[in-house]
Amino acid sequence: MFPQIDATEHNPTMGGWGYLDDNGAGCFHPGIDFNSGAGGNADCGAPVVAITTQTLVAHVVDTTGFGLHQWWRLDVGPYAGCYAHYCHLSDALFGDIGTTATRGQAIAAVGRSGGWDYCHLHFEVSREQPPHWRYWPKGQAREAVAAQYYDPIAVAHAYDAWARTHQEDDMTPEIKAIADALAETGYPASEVPDLIRAVKAWSANSASLGAWIEEIGALKARVAELEAAAAPAEAPSDNA
C-alpha cells in the first residue's frame, strides 16, 4: 500500500522525480513524487493515507515549496522512529499535533499546494527527525542524501509484509509471538509472511516449531556423521 491511494506499483511516479534522482536544481530528490489516475491533475483530491500507526508531529502551511505539508512519526513496524513527510496537500484531515492515525486511514488529499503545476504527493521517509520542519537537502552529495532518507517504495513494501504478519484478524497471540521472534532474529521481512502462513497451516505453536527446528538440527548432525563414516579412508601418503 502506497501513501497515495491508487498509485500503482509498476509506475508509482508517472512523472515527477524518483528517489535520489538529480532534479537539476542542485538536489538529489529525497523522496518520491506519487501520481495516480491518468497523470497530470487527474489525481487532485485523491486520498492520502497513513502507512502504519503514526503520530502527527508537524503541520505546516507554506505558499511555495512544500505547500501544505505534514510530518508524521512512524510508531510501529520495521521503520518505527522514522519520520514520514507528506507534501503539496490540498487538504489535511488532522491539524492537532499528537493526533494518531492507523494504517490505511485517510489523513489528507493530494494537491498542488506550493505553486506546482500538477497535483502529486511528494513523500519522504527521513531516518531521523529533520533539523527543522522545512528541511530540504539542497546542495548535498547523493550519498549524503541517501544517508538521511529511506527509499519510500522499499518502506511501503516492508510495511505490506509486516502488516500481513502483525495485523491479520485471525492471528493468534501465539502466532504473533512467533512473528516477533522472527523479527528479533533478523529474518528477512519479505519471507516472514510465507513462513507465518505455513506455520498457521500446520497449526503450529512456538513449542512445536522449536521442537521441529531441534529435530531438523539433530537429523542434519546424524546425516553428517553417516556421511563421514561412509567416506573412504585416505590412502597413505608416500612420505609416511
Protein backbone atom coordinates (compact mmCIF):
# COMPACT_ATOMS: atom_id res chain seq x y z
CA MET A 1 0.00 0.00 0.00
CA PHE A 2 1.40 3.35 -1.07
CA PRO A 3 0.63 6.57 0.84
CA GLN A 4 -1.35 7.82 -2.17
CA ILE A 5 -4.34 5.60 -2.88
CA ASP A 6 -4.43 4.09 -6.41
CA ALA A 7 -0.79 4.84 -7.13
CA THR A 8 0.46 1.76 -8.96
CA GLU A 9 3.38 -0.49 -8.06
CA HIS A 10 4.63 -0.60 -11.63
CA ASN A 11 4.92 3.15 -12.08
CA PRO A 12 4.11 4.99 -8.86
CA THR A 13 5.52 8.31 -10.03
CA MET A 14 4.05 8.65 -13.56
CA GLY A 15 6.27 11.66 -13.95
CA GLY A 16 7.90 13.83 -11.33
CA TRP A 17 11.03 12.75 -9.55
CA GLY A 18 12.01 9.41 -8.06
CA TYR A 19 14.16 8.62 -5.05
CA LEU A 20 17.66 10.17 -5.37
CA ASP A 21 17.00 11.49 -8.88
CA ASP A 22 19.05 14.55 -9.81
CA ASN A 23 16.30 17.16 -10.13
CA GLY A 24 18.54 19.61 -11.98
CA ALA A 25 18.09 22.21 -9.24
CA GLY A 26 21.02 21.35 -7.02
CA CYS A 27 19.38 18.49 -5.15
CA PHE A 28 19.17 14.72 -5.25
CA HIS A 29 15.47 14.12 -4.70
CA PRO A 30 14.98 12.65 -1.19
CA GLY A 31 11.55 11.16 -1.84
CA ILE A 32 9.03 10.02 -4.43
CA ASP A 33 6.52 12.09 -6.41
CA PHE A 34 3.46 9.85 -6.41
CA ASN A 35 0.69 10.14 -9.02
CA SER A 36 -2.42 8.14 -9.78
CA GLY A 37 -5.19 8.12 -12.36
CA ALA A 38 -4.11 9.27 -15.81
CA GLY A 39 -1.47 11.65 -14.52
CA GLY A 40 -1.49 15.41 -14.71
CA ASN A 41 -4.23 16.76 -12.46
CA ALA A 42 -6.35 13.59 -12.61
CA ASP A 43 -5.37 12.75 -9.05
CA CYS A 44 -6.28 16.09 -7.47
CA GLY A 45 -8.09 15.26 -4.26
CA ALA A 46 -7.06 11.60 -4.22
CA PRO A 47 -6.88 10.14 -0.70
CA VAL A 48 -3.58 10.21 1.18
CA VAL A 49 -3.28 7.58 3.91
CA ALA A 50 -1.15 6.56 6.86
CA ILE A 51 1.25 3.73 6.05
CA THR A 52 1.28 2.46 9.64
CA THR A 53 0.27 3.63 13.09
CA GLN A 54 1.78 7.11 13.19
CA THR A 55 1.64 10.38 15.12
CA LEU A 56 1.38 13.89 13.70
CA VAL A 57 4.38 15.96 14.78
CA ALA A 58 4.23 18.95 12.42
CA HIS A 59 1.53 20.71 10.37
CA VAL A 60 2.98 23.49 8.18
CA VAL A 61 1.44 25.77 5.55
CA ASP A 62 3.84 27.39 3.05
CA THR A 63 2.92 29.39 -0.04
CA THR A 64 5.85 27.93 -2.00
CA GLY A 65 7.97 24.79 -1.84
CA PHE A 66 6.24 22.06 0.16
CA GLY A 67 2.95 23.97 0.33
CA LEU A 68 0.64 22.40 2.88
CA HIS A 69 2.74 19.62 4.38
CA GLN A 70 2.84 17.37 7.41
CA TRP A 71 5.41 15.28 9.25
CA TRP A 72 4.26 12.07 10.94
CA ARG A 73 6.42 9.92 13.23
CA LEU A 74 6.11 6.20 12.43
CA ASP A 75 5.30 4.45 15.71
CA VAL A 76 5.37 0.73 14.91
CA GLY A 77 6.82 -1.69 12.38
CA PRO A 78 10.17 -2.00 10.59
CA TYR A 79 10.71 1.78 10.37
CA ALA A 80 9.42 2.77 13.81
CA GLY A 81 11.02 6.03 14.94
CA CYS A 82 11.42 7.37 11.40
CA TYR A 83 9.52 10.38 10.04
CA ALA A 84 7.16 10.41 7.02
CA HIS A 85 6.75 13.72 5.16
CA TYR A 86 3.56 14.31 3.12
CA CYS A 87 3.77 17.38 0.84
CA HIS A 88 1.74 19.57 -1.60
CA LEU A 89 -1.53 18.58 0.07
CA SER A 90 -4.80 20.24 -0.91
CA ASP A 91 -6.35 19.46 2.44
CA ALA A 92 -5.38 17.81 5.71
CA LEU A 93 -7.92 15.96 7.84
CA PHE A 94 -5.93 16.49 11.03
CA GLY A 95 -4.04 19.51 12.32
CA ASP A 96 -3.60 18.86 16.02
CA ILE A 97 -0.09 17.80 16.96
CA GLY A 98 -0.16 14.44 18.71
CA THR A 99 -3.02 13.05 16.61
CA THR A 100 -2.55 9.33 15.91
CA ALA A 101 -3.65 7.63 12.69
CA THR A 102 -3.69 3.92 11.87
CA ARG A 103 -2.54 2.09 8.76
CA GLY A 104 -4.78 2.83 5.78
CA GLN A 105 -6.62 5.68 7.48
CA ALA A 106 -7.18 8.75 5.30
CA ILE A 107 -5.24 11.74 6.62
CA ALA A 108 -5.20 14.21 3.69
CA ALA A 109 -5.87 14.79 -0.01
CA VAL A 110 -3.48 15.12 -2.94
CA GLY A 111 -2.97 18.67 -4.19
CA ARG A 112 -0.50 21.02 -5.81
CA SER A 113 0.00 23.50 -2.97
CA GLY A 114 3.30 25.31 -3.01
CA GLY A 115 2.75 26.65 -6.53
CA TRP A 116 3.15 23.43 -8.53
CA ASP A 117 1.60 22.96 -11.97
CA TYR A 118 0.27 19.47 -11.38
CA CYS A 119 -1.15 17.60 -8.42
CA HIS A 120 1.05 14.96 -6.85
CA LEU A 121 2.15 13.68 -3.46
CA HIS A 122 5.79 14.32 -2.66
CA PHE A 123 6.56 11.72 0.03
CA GLU A 124 9.75 11.25 2.03
CA VAL A 125 10.85 8.95 4.86
CA SER A 126 13.54 10.56 7.00
CA ARG A 127 15.66 8.27 9.14
CA GLU A 128 15.62 10.78 11.99
CA GLN A 129 13.74 13.92 12.95
CA PRO A 130 14.90 16.60 10.50
CA PRO A 131 16.79 19.69 11.74
CA HIS A 132 13.60 21.71 11.12
CA TRP A 133 10.21 21.07 9.53
CA ARG A 134 11.05 22.87 6.25
CA TYR A 135 14.32 20.98 5.78
CA TRP A 136 15.47 20.29 2.18
CA PRO A 137 18.91 18.70 1.48
CA LYS A 138 19.88 21.10 -1.31
CA GLY A 139 23.49 21.05 -2.47
CA GLN A 140 24.35 17.77 -0.75
CA ALA A 141 26.02 14.76 -2.38
CA ARG A 142 23.85 11.84 -3.39
CA GLU A 143 25.44 9.65 -0.70
CA ALA A 144 24.68 12.26 1.95
CA VAL A 145 21.02 12.38 0.97
CA ALA A 146 20.79 8.57 0.95
CA ALA A 147 22.23 8.53 4.47
CA GLN A 148 19.34 10.70 5.68
CA TYR A 149 16.35 9.21 3.82
CA TYR A 150 14.99 5.76 3.02
CA ASP A 151 13.59 4.75 -0.38
CA PRO A 152 9.80 5.24 0.07
CA ILE A 153 9.00 2.32 -2.24
CA ALA A 154 11.08 -0.05 -0.10
CA VAL A 155 9.42 1.32 3.02
CA ALA A 156 5.92 0.76 1.58
CA HIS A 157 6.72 -2.83 0.61
CA ALA A 158 8.29 -3.55 4.00
CA TYR A 159 5.12 -2.35 5.73
CA ASP A 160 2.99 -4.51 3.44
CA ALA A 161 5.00 -7.56 4.52
CA TRP A 162 4.98 -6.53 8.16
CA ALA A 163 1.23 -5.87 8.20
CA ARG A 164 0.46 -9.32 6.82
CA THR A 165 2.11 -10.90 9.86
CA HIS A 166 1.04 -8.43 12.54
CA GLN A 167 -2.40 -7.16 11.61
CA GLU A 168 -4.36 -10.16 10.33
CA ASP A 169 -7.63 -10.52 12.25
CA ASP A 170 -7.22 -14.25 12.66
CA MET A 171 -3.67 -14.15 14.01
CA THR A 172 -3.47 -15.72 17.45
CA PRO A 173 -1.21 -14.39 20.21
CA GLU A 174 0.94 -17.49 19.69
CA ILE A 175 1.48 -16.69 16.00
CA LYS A 176 2.17 -13.06 16.81
CA ALA A 177 4.81 -14.21 19.29
CA ILE A 178 6.44 -16.30 16.56
CA ALA A 179 6.40 -13.32 14.18
CA ASP A 180 8.01 -11.12 16.82
CA ALA A 181 10.67 -13.75 17.49
CA LEU A 182 11.45 -13.94 13.78
CA ALA A 183 11.79 -10.15 13.63
CA GLU A 184 14.24 -10.22 16.54
CA THR A 185 16.44 -12.74 14.73
CA GLY A 186 16.64 -10.52 11.64
CA TYR A 187 14.68 -12.98 9.49
CA PRO A 188 14.04 -11.29 6.10
CA ALA A 189 10.80 -9.32 6.31
CA SER A 190 9.81 -10.29 2.77
CA GLU A 191 9.90 -14.00 3.69
CA VAL A 192 8.11 -13.79 7.04
CA PRO A 193 4.54 -13.78 5.62
CA ASP A 194 5.05 -17.08 3.74
CA LEU A 195 6.55 -18.73 6.80
CA ILE A 196 3.75 -17.49 9.05
CA ARG A 197 1.13 -18.80 6.61
CA ALA A 198 2.86 -22.19 6.66
CA VAL A 199 3.00 -22.20 10.46
CA LYS A 200 -0.75 -21.47 10.60
CA ALA A 201 -1.45 -24.26 8.09
CA TRP A 202 0.48 -26.67 10.31
CA SER A 203 -1.42 -25.43 13.38
CA ALA A 204 1.99 -24.94 14.91
CA ASN A 205 2.88 -23.05 18.06
CA SER A 206 6.18 -21.81 19.39
CA ALA A 207 6.87 -25.07 21.27
CA SER A 208 6.18 -27.36 18.31
CA LEU A 209 8.09 -25.08 15.95
CA GLY A 210 11.06 -25.07 18.33
CA ALA A 211 10.94 -28.89 18.60
CA TRP A 212 10.79 -29.17 14.83
CA ILE A 213 13.84 -26.94 14.44
CA GLU A 214 15.74 -29.00 17.03
CA GLU A 215 14.75 -32.23 15.26
CA ILE A 216 15.92 -30.90 11.91
CA GLY A 217 19.22 -29.91 13.53
CA ALA A 218 19.64 -33.38 15.03
CA LEU A 219 18.87 -35.04 11.69
CA LYS A 220 21.44 -32.89 9.93
CA ALA A 221 24.04 -33.79 12.53
CA ARG A 222 23.24 -37.52 12.15
CA VAL A 223 23.47 -37.30 8.35
CA ALA A 224 26.87 -35.63 8.69
CA GLU A 225 28.03 -38.49 10.96
CA LEU A 226 26.85 -41.14 8.49
CA GLU A 227 28.48 -39.35 5.57
CA ALA A 228 31.74 -39.13 7.46
CA ALA A 229 31.58 -42.84 8.35
CA ALA A 230 30.84 -43.81 4.75
CA ALA A 231 33.67 -41.72 3.30
CA PRO A 232 36.59 -43.84 2.02
CA ALA A 233 39.68 -43.76 4.17
CA GLU A 234 42.50 -41.61 2.84
CA ALA A 235 45.30 -43.51 1.13
CA PRO A 236 48.65 -43.46 2.99
CA SER A 237 50.98 -40.70 1.98
CA ASP A 238 54.24 -41.56 0.19
CA ASN A 239 56.04 -39.61 2.88
CA ALA A 240 54.55 -41.67 5.71
